[in-house]
Amino acid sequence: MPTPPSPLATAVQAARAAAELIRTAAANPGARRVREKQANDFVTEVDLASQQLIVQTLLAAWPDHAVRSEESELHLGKPDSASLWIVDPLDGTANFIHGYPACAVSIALVQEGSLRLGVVLDVASGRLYSAERGGGAFCDGRALRVAPGLDLGRAMVASSCPPGVGGDTDGALRMLDTVLRHCAALRRSGSVALDLAHVAAGHCSACFDRGAAAWDVAAGCLLVREAGGQVSDFLGAPDCLEARECVAGNAALHAALCALLRPFAWPRPPSSSPRH
């Protein structure tokens, strides 16, 4: 009986196949047909096709696992499994719709409640960012480290919020204004997964986001940590997958951003705490 591929190899295979599907579809205007899930939140046929391809690839290799994906209301596979894949089949859908070259495929594996591996594939460039817990972070085989030193006043900071008009736009703009007044530059890619990957690679100094879901941040969080950085919610709690907010960077920049962003943290019930 053939040996099954490793979970990382399976994730890479799924991400590459999905990215190729997305690149092919990008050349076909008909593939960008849009359905609005809710105000300013869109899904295309490509999101759904990418999800189907990824889920099929993961469960073919690991049928006893579960899959949680952005475009599915239910956990797929075996919902009670201790091994859960968290998938964003197309992070940066609005960019894709407009032909803006900044979108990614993000795949992470959580086992027994802990992040074990993460893969982020930059669809436009083909760069593959990957990490396994305790094994470091890499881009196409090159080891990654977060940007060193730098006080916040000399740092380039990334954020992809707000995604557009809707929700607490005024609060998000106040948050952006607060950070912009304390850093050297602010960049918005429209893809939270790419923001975190760029922090891990040292391409930007730090990043933050509010409103991001677990599938947006799971793989990127592990990339940053394995590249020597820190990731948390705005209050500094490291278990942030379900917090719908994150801040990442080296230790000094992470602390400085948390101090600025604390007033913008989502309210939390006294007895609750984020998972993972």
Protein backbone atom coordinates (compact mmCIF):
# COMPACT_ATOMS: atom_id res chain seq x y z
CA MET A 1 0.00 0.00 0.00
CA PRO A 2 1.57 3.35 -1.01
CA THR A 3 2.61 5.74 1.75
CA PRO A 4 0.28 8.76 1.84
CA PRO A 5 1.85 12.18 1.27
CA SER A 6 2.67 14.27 4.31
CA PRO A 7 0.06 16.83 5.39
CA LEU A 8 2.37 19.62 4.19
CA ALA A 9 2.84 17.99 0.78
CA THR A 10 -0.93 17.58 0.51
CA ALA A 11 -1.51 21.25 1.39
CA VAL A 12 1.07 22.38 -1.15
CA GLN A 13 -0.48 20.18 -3.84
CA ALA A 14 -3.94 21.58 -3.10
CA ALA A 15 -2.74 25.19 -3.03
CA ARG A 16 -0.84 24.90 -6.32
CA ALA A 17 -3.81 23.28 -8.07
CA ALA A 18 -6.19 25.94 -6.77
CA ALA A 19 -3.85 28.77 -7.76
CA GLU A 20 -3.61 27.40 -11.29
CA LEU A 21 -7.40 27.26 -11.46
CA ILE A 22 -7.62 30.88 -10.29
CA ARG A 23 -4.98 32.09 -12.76
CA THR A 24 -6.76 30.35 -15.64
CA ALA A 25 -10.11 31.80 -14.60
CA ALA A 26 -8.65 35.30 -14.29
CA ALA A 27 -8.20 35.33 -18.07
CA ASN A 28 -11.90 34.57 -18.54
CA PRO A 29 -14.21 37.53 -17.71
CA GLY A 30 -17.16 35.15 -17.41
CA ALA A 31 -15.51 33.46 -14.45
CA ARG A 32 -15.82 36.68 -12.45
CA ARG A 33 -19.60 36.46 -12.11
CA VAL A 34 -20.37 37.70 -8.64
CA ARG A 35 -22.87 36.89 -5.92
CA GLU A 36 -23.12 39.17 -2.88
CA LYS A 37 -23.16 37.13 0.32
CA GLN A 38 -23.91 40.23 2.39
CA ALA A 39 -23.20 43.95 2.08
CA ASN A 40 -19.79 44.35 0.41
CA ASP A 41 -18.94 40.64 0.83
CA PHE A 42 -18.70 38.81 -2.49
CA VAL A 43 -18.20 35.29 -3.77
CA THR A 44 -17.46 34.18 -7.34
CA GLU A 45 -17.74 30.87 -9.13
CA VAL A 46 -13.96 30.70 -8.82
CA ASP A 47 -14.09 30.84 -5.00
CA LEU A 48 -16.46 27.88 -5.06
CA ALA A 49 -14.49 25.90 -7.65
CA SER A 50 -11.23 26.51 -5.77
CA GLN A 51 -12.84 25.37 -2.52
CA GLN A 52 -14.13 22.18 -4.13
CA LEU A 53 -10.71 21.37 -5.58
CA ILE A 54 -8.92 21.98 -2.27
CA VAL A 55 -11.41 20.00 -0.20
CA GLN A 56 -11.29 17.07 -2.60
CA THR A 57 -7.49 17.03 -2.54
CA LEU A 58 -7.26 17.22 1.25
CA LEU A 59 -9.90 14.60 1.98
CA ALA A 60 -8.64 12.21 -0.69
CA ALA A 61 -5.33 12.05 1.19
CA TRP A 62 -6.73 12.45 4.72
CA PRO A 63 -10.33 11.12 4.78
CA ASP A 64 -10.47 11.10 8.59
CA HIS A 65 -9.85 14.87 8.77
CA ALA A 66 -12.35 17.73 8.82
CA VAL A 67 -12.28 20.83 6.63
CA ARG A 68 -13.58 24.29 7.52
CA SER A 69 -13.70 26.62 4.51
CA GLU A 70 -14.89 30.19 4.00
CA GLU A 71 -17.49 29.25 1.42
CA SER A 72 -19.03 26.34 3.34
CA GLU A 73 -21.52 26.68 6.17
CA LEU A 74 -20.63 23.24 7.56
CA HIS A 75 -17.41 21.41 8.41
CA LEU A 76 -16.71 18.93 5.62
CA GLY A 77 -15.17 15.50 6.07
CA LYS A 78 -15.49 14.17 9.63
CA PRO A 79 -16.72 17.11 11.75
CA ASP A 80 -15.61 15.54 15.05
CA SER A 81 -12.03 14.91 13.87
CA ALA A 82 -9.14 16.21 15.98
CA SER A 83 -7.47 17.27 12.70
CA LEU A 84 -9.12 20.32 11.14
CA TRP A 85 -8.06 22.00 7.90
CA ILE A 86 -8.90 25.73 7.74
CA VAL A 87 -9.13 26.93 4.15
CA ASP A 88 -9.55 30.21 2.34
CA PRO A 89 -9.85 29.17 -1.31
CA LEU A 90 -9.44 32.74 -2.61
CA ASP A 91 -8.34 35.42 -0.15
CA GLY A 92 -8.76 38.75 -1.89
CA THR A 93 -11.95 38.09 -3.84
CA ALA A 94 -12.60 41.80 -4.43
CA ASN A 95 -9.11 42.09 -5.95
CA PHE A 96 -9.81 39.10 -8.19
CA ILE A 97 -13.11 40.56 -9.36
CA HIS A 98 -11.36 43.76 -10.48
CA GLY A 99 -8.28 42.04 -11.90
CA TYR A 100 -6.02 43.51 -9.22
CA PRO A 101 -3.06 41.11 -8.79
CA ALA A 102 -3.16 40.51 -5.03
CA CYS A 103 -4.93 37.34 -3.95
CA ALA A 104 -3.90 34.13 -2.27
CA VAL A 105 -4.83 30.58 -1.39
CA SER A 106 -4.51 29.90 2.34
CA ILE A 107 -4.52 26.44 3.92
CA ALA A 108 -3.77 25.61 7.57
CA LEU A 109 -4.00 22.45 9.67
CA VAL A 110 -5.06 22.53 13.33
CA GLN A 111 -4.52 19.34 15.33
CA GLU A 112 -5.67 18.90 18.92
CA GLY A 113 -6.41 22.64 19.02
CA SER A 114 -2.93 23.79 17.88
CA LEU A 115 -1.75 25.14 14.53
CA ARG A 116 0.51 22.53 12.94
CA LEU A 117 1.13 23.78 9.40
CA GLY A 118 0.28 26.67 7.14
CA VAL A 119 0.57 27.36 3.43
CA VAL A 120 -0.08 30.68 1.67
CA LEU A 121 0.31 30.79 -2.10
CA ASP A 122 0.52 34.19 -3.82
CA VAL A 123 -1.52 33.54 -6.95
CA ALA A 124 -0.04 36.34 -9.09
CA SER A 125 3.66 35.69 -8.34
CA GLY A 126 3.46 31.96 -7.66
CA ARG A 127 5.44 32.37 -4.42
CA LEU A 128 4.72 29.61 -1.95
CA TYR A 129 5.01 30.44 1.76
CA SER A 130 4.95 27.45 4.10
CA ALA A 131 5.56 26.59 7.74
CA GLU A 132 5.32 23.63 10.07
CA ARG A 133 5.23 24.07 13.82
CA GLY A 134 8.77 23.94 15.15
CA GLY A 135 10.25 23.65 11.68
CA GLY A 136 10.59 27.26 10.58
CA ALA A 137 8.95 29.27 7.80
CA PHE A 138 9.99 29.27 4.15
CA CYS A 139 9.27 30.89 0.79
CA ASP A 140 10.07 28.56 -2.10
CA GLY A 141 12.66 26.84 0.09
CA ARG A 142 14.26 30.02 1.45
CA ALA A 143 14.13 30.42 5.24
CA LEU A 144 12.18 33.46 6.43
CA ARG A 145 12.71 35.89 9.31
CA VAL A 146 10.57 38.82 10.32
CA ALA A 147 12.11 42.28 9.91
CA PRO A 148 14.43 43.12 12.82
CA GLY A 149 14.54 46.06 15.20
CA LEU A 150 13.00 49.22 13.84
CA ASP A 151 10.91 51.48 16.01
CA LEU A 152 7.36 52.02 14.80
CA GLY A 153 8.20 55.45 13.43
CA ARG A 154 10.44 53.82 10.78
CA ALA A 155 8.24 50.81 10.07
CA MET A 156 6.14 49.93 7.01
CA VAL A 157 2.88 48.49 8.31
CA ALA A 158 0.31 46.52 6.29
CA SER A 159 -3.44 46.29 6.83
CA SER A 160 -6.36 45.17 4.69
CA CYS A 161 -9.17 46.73 6.68
CA PRO A 162 -11.69 48.02 6.15
CA PRO A 163 -12.42 45.86 3.09
CA GLY A 164 -14.85 48.52 1.88
CA VAL A 165 -17.81 50.57 2.94
CA GLY A 166 -19.98 48.81 5.50
CA GLY A 167 -19.85 47.74 9.12
CA ASP A 168 -17.86 49.98 11.44
CA THR A 169 -16.20 51.96 8.65
CA ASP A 170 -15.76 55.07 10.80
CA GLY A 171 -14.06 53.08 13.55
CA ALA A 172 -11.80 51.34 11.03
CA LEU A 173 -10.77 54.66 9.51
CA ARG A 174 -9.97 56.07 12.96
CA MET A 175 -7.84 53.00 13.61
CA LEU A 176 -5.98 53.42 10.31
CA ASP A 177 -5.45 57.11 11.04
CA THR A 178 -4.06 56.28 14.50
CA VAL A 179 -1.51 53.83 13.12
CA LEU A 180 -0.59 55.99 10.13
CA ARG A 181 0.32 58.88 12.44
CA HIS A 182 2.85 56.65 14.24
CA CYS A 183 4.49 54.66 11.41
CA ALA A 184 6.57 55.49 8.36
CA ALA A 185 4.17 54.01 5.79
CA LEU A 186 0.91 52.11 5.61
CA ARG A 187 0.17 49.60 2.83
CA ARG A 188 -3.13 47.86 1.97
CA SER A 189 -3.04 44.73 -0.20
CA GLY A 190 -6.63 43.56 0.20
CA SER A 191 -5.44 40.11 1.29
CA VAL A 192 -4.88 39.43 4.99
CA ALA A 193 -3.11 36.14 4.19
CA LEU A 194 -0.59 37.98 2.01
CA ASP A 195 -0.09 40.69 4.65
CA LEU A 196 0.91 38.05 7.20
CA ALA A 197 3.12 36.23 4.69
CA HIS A 198 4.90 39.50 3.88
CA VAL A 199 5.53 40.12 7.57
CA ALA A 200 7.01 36.63 7.90
CA ALA A 201 9.26 37.32 4.90
CA GLY A 202 10.35 40.74 6.19
CA HIS A 203 8.84 42.52 3.17
CA CYS A 204 6.91 44.73 5.59
CA SER A 205 7.61 45.36 9.24
CA ALA A 206 4.26 44.50 10.79
CA CYS A 207 0.57 44.17 10.01
CA PHE A 208 -2.80 44.37 11.71
CA ASP A 209 -6.39 43.66 10.78
CA ARG A 210 -9.87 43.77 12.25
CA GLY A 211 -12.79 41.76 10.91
CA ALA A 212 -10.63 38.89 9.60
CA ALA A 213 -11.91 35.35 10.10
CA ALA A 214 -9.96 32.23 11.04
CA TRP A 215 -9.53 31.18 7.40
CA ASP A 216 -7.95 34.58 6.62
CA VAL A 217 -5.30 34.36 9.33
CA ALA A 218 -4.66 30.73 10.33
CA ALA A 219 -1.84 29.89 7.91
CA GLY A 220 -0.30 33.38 8.11
CA CYS A 221 -0.21 33.31 11.92
CA LEU A 222 1.96 30.21 11.87
CA LEU A 223 4.20 31.70 9.16
CA VAL A 224 4.90 34.74 11.32
CA ARG A 225 5.55 32.75 14.49
CA GLU A 226 7.87 30.31 12.75
CA ALA A 227 9.72 33.30 11.23
CA GLY A 228 10.46 34.60 14.74
CA GLY A 229 7.57 37.04 15.08
CA GLN A 230 4.61 37.42 17.39
CA VAL A 231 0.88 37.35 16.55
CA SER A 232 -2.02 38.14 18.84
CA ASP A 233 -5.34 39.91 19.07
CA PHE A 234 -5.32 43.64 19.88
CA LEU A 235 -5.25 42.85 23.62
CA GLY A 236 -2.14 40.70 23.27
CA ALA A 237 -3.81 37.28 23.60
CA PRO A 238 -1.97 34.83 21.29
CA ASP A 239 -4.99 32.56 20.76
CA CYS A 240 -6.51 34.84 18.14
CA LEU A 241 -8.01 32.71 15.35
CA GLU A 242 -11.55 33.41 16.49
CA ALA A 243 -10.92 36.97 17.74
CA ARG A 244 -11.60 38.56 14.31
CA GLU A 245 -8.58 40.79 14.83
CA CYS A 246 -4.83 40.28 14.67
CA VAL A 247 -1.56 42.16 14.96
CA ALA A 248 1.80 40.72 13.90
CA GLY A 249 5.46 41.70 13.80
CA ASN A 250 8.70 41.37 15.71
CA ALA A 251 8.43 41.61 19.50
CA ALA A 252 9.01 45.37 19.71
CA LEU A 253 6.69 46.36 16.87
CA HIS A 254 4.04 43.91 18.03
CA ALA A 255 4.03 45.51 21.48
CA ALA A 256 3.95 49.03 20.04
CA LEU A 257 1.01 48.24 17.75
CA CYS A 258 -0.91 46.47 20.51
CA ALA A 259 -0.59 49.63 22.62
CA LEU A 260 -2.09 51.70 19.79
CA LEU A 261 -4.79 49.21 18.84
CA ARG A 262 -6.04 48.23 22.29
CA PRO A 263 -8.83 50.89 22.23
CA PHE A 264 -10.11 49.36 18.97
CA ALA A 265 -10.39 45.76 20.24
CA TRP A 266 -13.74 44.05 19.80
CA PRO A 267 -15.70 43.84 23.08
CA ARG A 268 -15.44 40.41 24.68
CA PRO A 269 -17.75 38.76 27.19
CA PRO A 270 -15.95 38.47 30.56
CA SER A 271 -15.94 34.68 30.50
CA SER A 272 -14.90 34.19 26.88
CA SER A 273 -11.49 33.75 25.32
CA PRO A 274 -10.42 33.16 21.70
CA ARG A 275 -9.60 29.61 20.63
CA HIS A 276 -6.48 28.07 19.07
